[in-house]
Amino acid sequence: MEPEDVSTLIKQVRDQSFADSDSDLDEAQELMQHVGKVGYLQLGFAHGGVIFLYETATEWYDLFQELMDSVSELGHILMDDHDDE
């Protein structure tokens, strides 16, 4: 987890003005304790014409991804509505 990633997430959550953004902001700020840690690991290799892939993630990294996805989705919805006017 890079500090810039968490900072960007916190900024995007703060820019939202929705009722549940306070809880999202608290969750995003708690992610700062995981800066410098590995939260997602993907290993893959090819053998005998078959590709083997293993992925694993921590709970806090899954939360980070969910928050990033929700912020991105809301941003697209708001921009799409604005473009129609």
C-alpha atoms as a PDB file:
ATOM      1  CA  MET A   1       0.000   0.000   0.000  1.00  0.00           C
ATOM      2  CA  GLU A   2       1.439   3.319  -1.082  1.00  0.00           C
ATOM      3  CA  PRO A   3       0.749   6.516   0.893  1.00  0.00           C
ATOM      4  CA  GLU A   4      -0.290   8.294  -2.309  1.00  0.00           C
ATOM      5  CA  ASP A   5      -3.005   5.697  -2.951  1.00  0.00           C
ATOM      6  CA  VAL A   6      -4.573   6.195   0.470  1.00  0.00           C
ATOM      7  CA  SER A   7      -4.233   9.991   0.257  1.00  0.00           C
ATOM      8  CA  THR A   8      -5.974  10.003  -3.113  1.00  0.00           C
ATOM      9  CA  LEU A   9      -8.782   7.829  -1.748  1.00  0.00           C
ATOM     10  CA  ILE A  10      -9.252  10.083   1.295  1.00  0.00           C
ATOM     11  CA  LYS A  11      -9.388  13.169  -0.936  1.00  0.00           C
ATOM     12  CA  GLN A  12     -11.957  11.582  -3.247  1.00  0.00           C
ATOM     13  CA  VAL A  13     -14.139  10.462  -0.330  1.00  0.00           C
ATOM     14  CA  ARG A  14     -13.979  13.964   1.177  1.00  0.00           C
ATOM     15  CA  ASP A  15     -15.068  15.466  -2.154  1.00  0.00           C
ATOM     16  CA  GLN A  16     -18.277  13.431  -2.009  1.00  0.00           C
ATOM     17  CA  SER A  17     -21.174  14.981  -0.132  1.00  0.00           C
ATOM     18  CA  PHE A  18     -23.284  11.903   0.622  1.00  0.00           C
ATOM     19  CA  ALA A  19     -24.674  10.739   3.970  1.00  0.00           C
ATOM     20  CA  ASP A  20     -22.521   7.616   4.256  1.00  0.00           C
ATOM     21  CA  SER A  21     -19.331   9.407   3.248  1.00  0.00           C
ATOM     22  CA  ASP A  22     -18.448   9.976   6.943  1.00  0.00           C
ATOM     23  CA  SER A  23     -18.178   6.243   7.557  1.00  0.00           C
ATOM     24  CA  ASP A  24     -16.330   5.840   4.250  1.00  0.00           C
ATOM     25  CA  LEU A  25     -13.948   8.618   5.304  1.00  0.00           C
ATOM     26  CA  ASP A  26     -13.264   6.894   8.632  1.00  0.00           C
ATOM     27  CA  GLU A  27     -12.577   3.604   6.848  1.00  0.00           C
ATOM     28  CA  ALA A  28     -10.297   5.319   4.328  1.00  0.00           C
ATOM     29  CA  GLN A  29      -8.325   7.045   7.092  1.00  0.00           C
ATOM     30  CA  GLU A  30      -7.891   3.742   8.939  1.00  0.00           C
ATOM     31  CA  LEU A  31      -6.151   2.370   5.850  1.00  0.00           C
ATOM     32  CA  MET A  32      -3.178   4.662   6.608  1.00  0.00           C
ATOM     33  CA  GLN A  33      -2.036   2.105   9.195  1.00  0.00           C
ATOM     34  CA  HIS A  34      -1.383  -0.348   6.355  1.00  0.00           C
ATOM     35  CA  VAL A  35       0.916   1.902   4.309  1.00  0.00           C
ATOM     36  CA  GLY A  36       4.045  -0.011   3.389  1.00  0.00           C
ATOM     37  CA  LYS A  37       2.377  -3.410   3.691  1.00  0.00           C
ATOM     38  CA  VAL A  38       1.499  -5.887   0.958  1.00  0.00           C
ATOM     39  CA  GLY A  39      -2.244  -6.376   0.708  1.00  0.00           C
ATOM     40  CA  TYR A  40      -2.559  -8.185  -2.609  1.00  0.00           C
ATOM     41  CA  LEU A  41      -0.435 -10.939  -4.098  1.00  0.00           C
ATOM     42  CA  GLN A  42      -0.722 -12.525  -7.523  1.00  0.00           C
ATOM     43  CA  LEU A  43       1.524 -15.357  -8.671  1.00  0.00           C
ATOM     44  CA  GLY A  44       1.343 -16.952 -12.056  1.00  0.00           C
ATOM     45  CA  PHE A  45       3.331 -19.225 -14.317  1.00  0.00           C
ATOM     46  CA  ALA A  46       2.881 -21.259 -17.468  1.00  0.00           C
ATOM     47  CA  HIS A  47       3.700 -24.960 -17.577  1.00  0.00           C
ATOM     48  CA  GLY A  48       2.853 -27.481 -20.242  1.00  0.00           C
ATOM     49  CA  GLY A  49       0.617 -25.062 -22.123  1.00  0.00           C
ATOM     50  CA  VAL A  50      -1.430 -24.311 -19.011  1.00  0.00           C
ATOM     51  CA  ILE A  51      -1.356 -21.030 -17.105  1.00  0.00           C
ATOM     52  CA  PHE A  52      -1.505 -21.354 -13.324  1.00  0.00           C
ATOM     53  CA  LEU A  53      -2.598 -18.338 -11.327  1.00  0.00           C
ATOM     54  CA  TYR A  54      -2.925 -17.735  -7.604  1.00  0.00           C
ATOM     55  CA  GLU A  55      -4.320 -14.550  -6.062  1.00  0.00           C
ATOM     56  CA  THR A  56      -4.870 -13.573  -2.468  1.00  0.00           C
ATOM     57  CA  ALA A  57      -5.732 -10.338  -0.694  1.00  0.00           C
ATOM     58  CA  THR A  58      -6.090  -9.123   2.860  1.00  0.00           C
ATOM     59  CA  GLU A  59      -9.411  -7.859   4.210  1.00  0.00           C
ATOM     60  CA  TRP A  60      -8.115  -4.296   4.416  1.00  0.00           C
ATOM     61  CA  TYR A  61      -6.989  -4.393   0.782  1.00  0.00           C
ATOM     62  CA  ASP A  62     -10.430  -5.640  -0.264  1.00  0.00           C
ATOM     63  CA  LEU A  63     -11.928  -2.687   1.644  1.00  0.00           C
ATOM     64  CA  PHE A  64      -9.525  -0.332  -0.147  1.00  0.00           C
ATOM     65  CA  GLN A  65     -10.616  -1.730  -3.522  1.00  0.00           C
ATOM     66  CA  GLU A  66     -14.308  -1.462  -2.613  1.00  0.00           C
ATOM     67  CA  LEU A  67     -13.912   2.164  -1.555  1.00  0.00           C
ATOM     68  CA  MET A  68     -11.951   3.010  -4.719  1.00  0.00           C
ATOM     69  CA  ASP A  69     -14.606   1.325  -6.868  1.00  0.00           C
ATOM     70  CA  SER A  70     -17.480   3.113  -5.137  1.00  0.00           C
ATOM     71  CA  VAL A  71     -15.780   6.505  -5.439  1.00  0.00           C
ATOM     72  CA  SER A  72     -15.058   5.875  -9.118  1.00  0.00           C
ATOM     73  CA  GLU A  73     -18.606   4.703  -9.836  1.00  0.00           C
ATOM     74  CA  LEU A  74     -20.156   7.699  -8.104  1.00  0.00           C
ATOM     75  CA  GLY A  75     -17.855  10.037  -9.984  1.00  0.00           C
ATOM     76  CA  HIS A  76     -18.903   8.540 -13.316  1.00  0.00           C
ATOM     77  CA  ILE A  77     -22.599   8.725 -12.416  1.00  0.00           C
ATOM     78  CA  LEU A  78     -22.337  12.365 -11.406  1.00  0.00           C
ATOM     79  CA  MET A  79     -20.336  13.257 -14.514  1.00  0.00           C
ATOM     80  CA  ASP A  80     -22.717  11.363 -16.807  1.00  0.00           C
ATOM     81  CA  ASP A  81     -25.752  13.169 -15.349  1.00  0.00           C
ATOM     82  CA  HIS A  82     -24.016  16.509 -15.740  1.00  0.00           C
ATOM     83  CA  ASP A  83     -23.095  15.768 -19.373  1.00  0.00           C
ATOM     84  CA  ASP A  84     -26.769  15.176 -20.268  1.00  0.00           C
ATOM     85  CA  GLU A  85     -27.797  18.730 -19.361  1.00  0.00           C
END
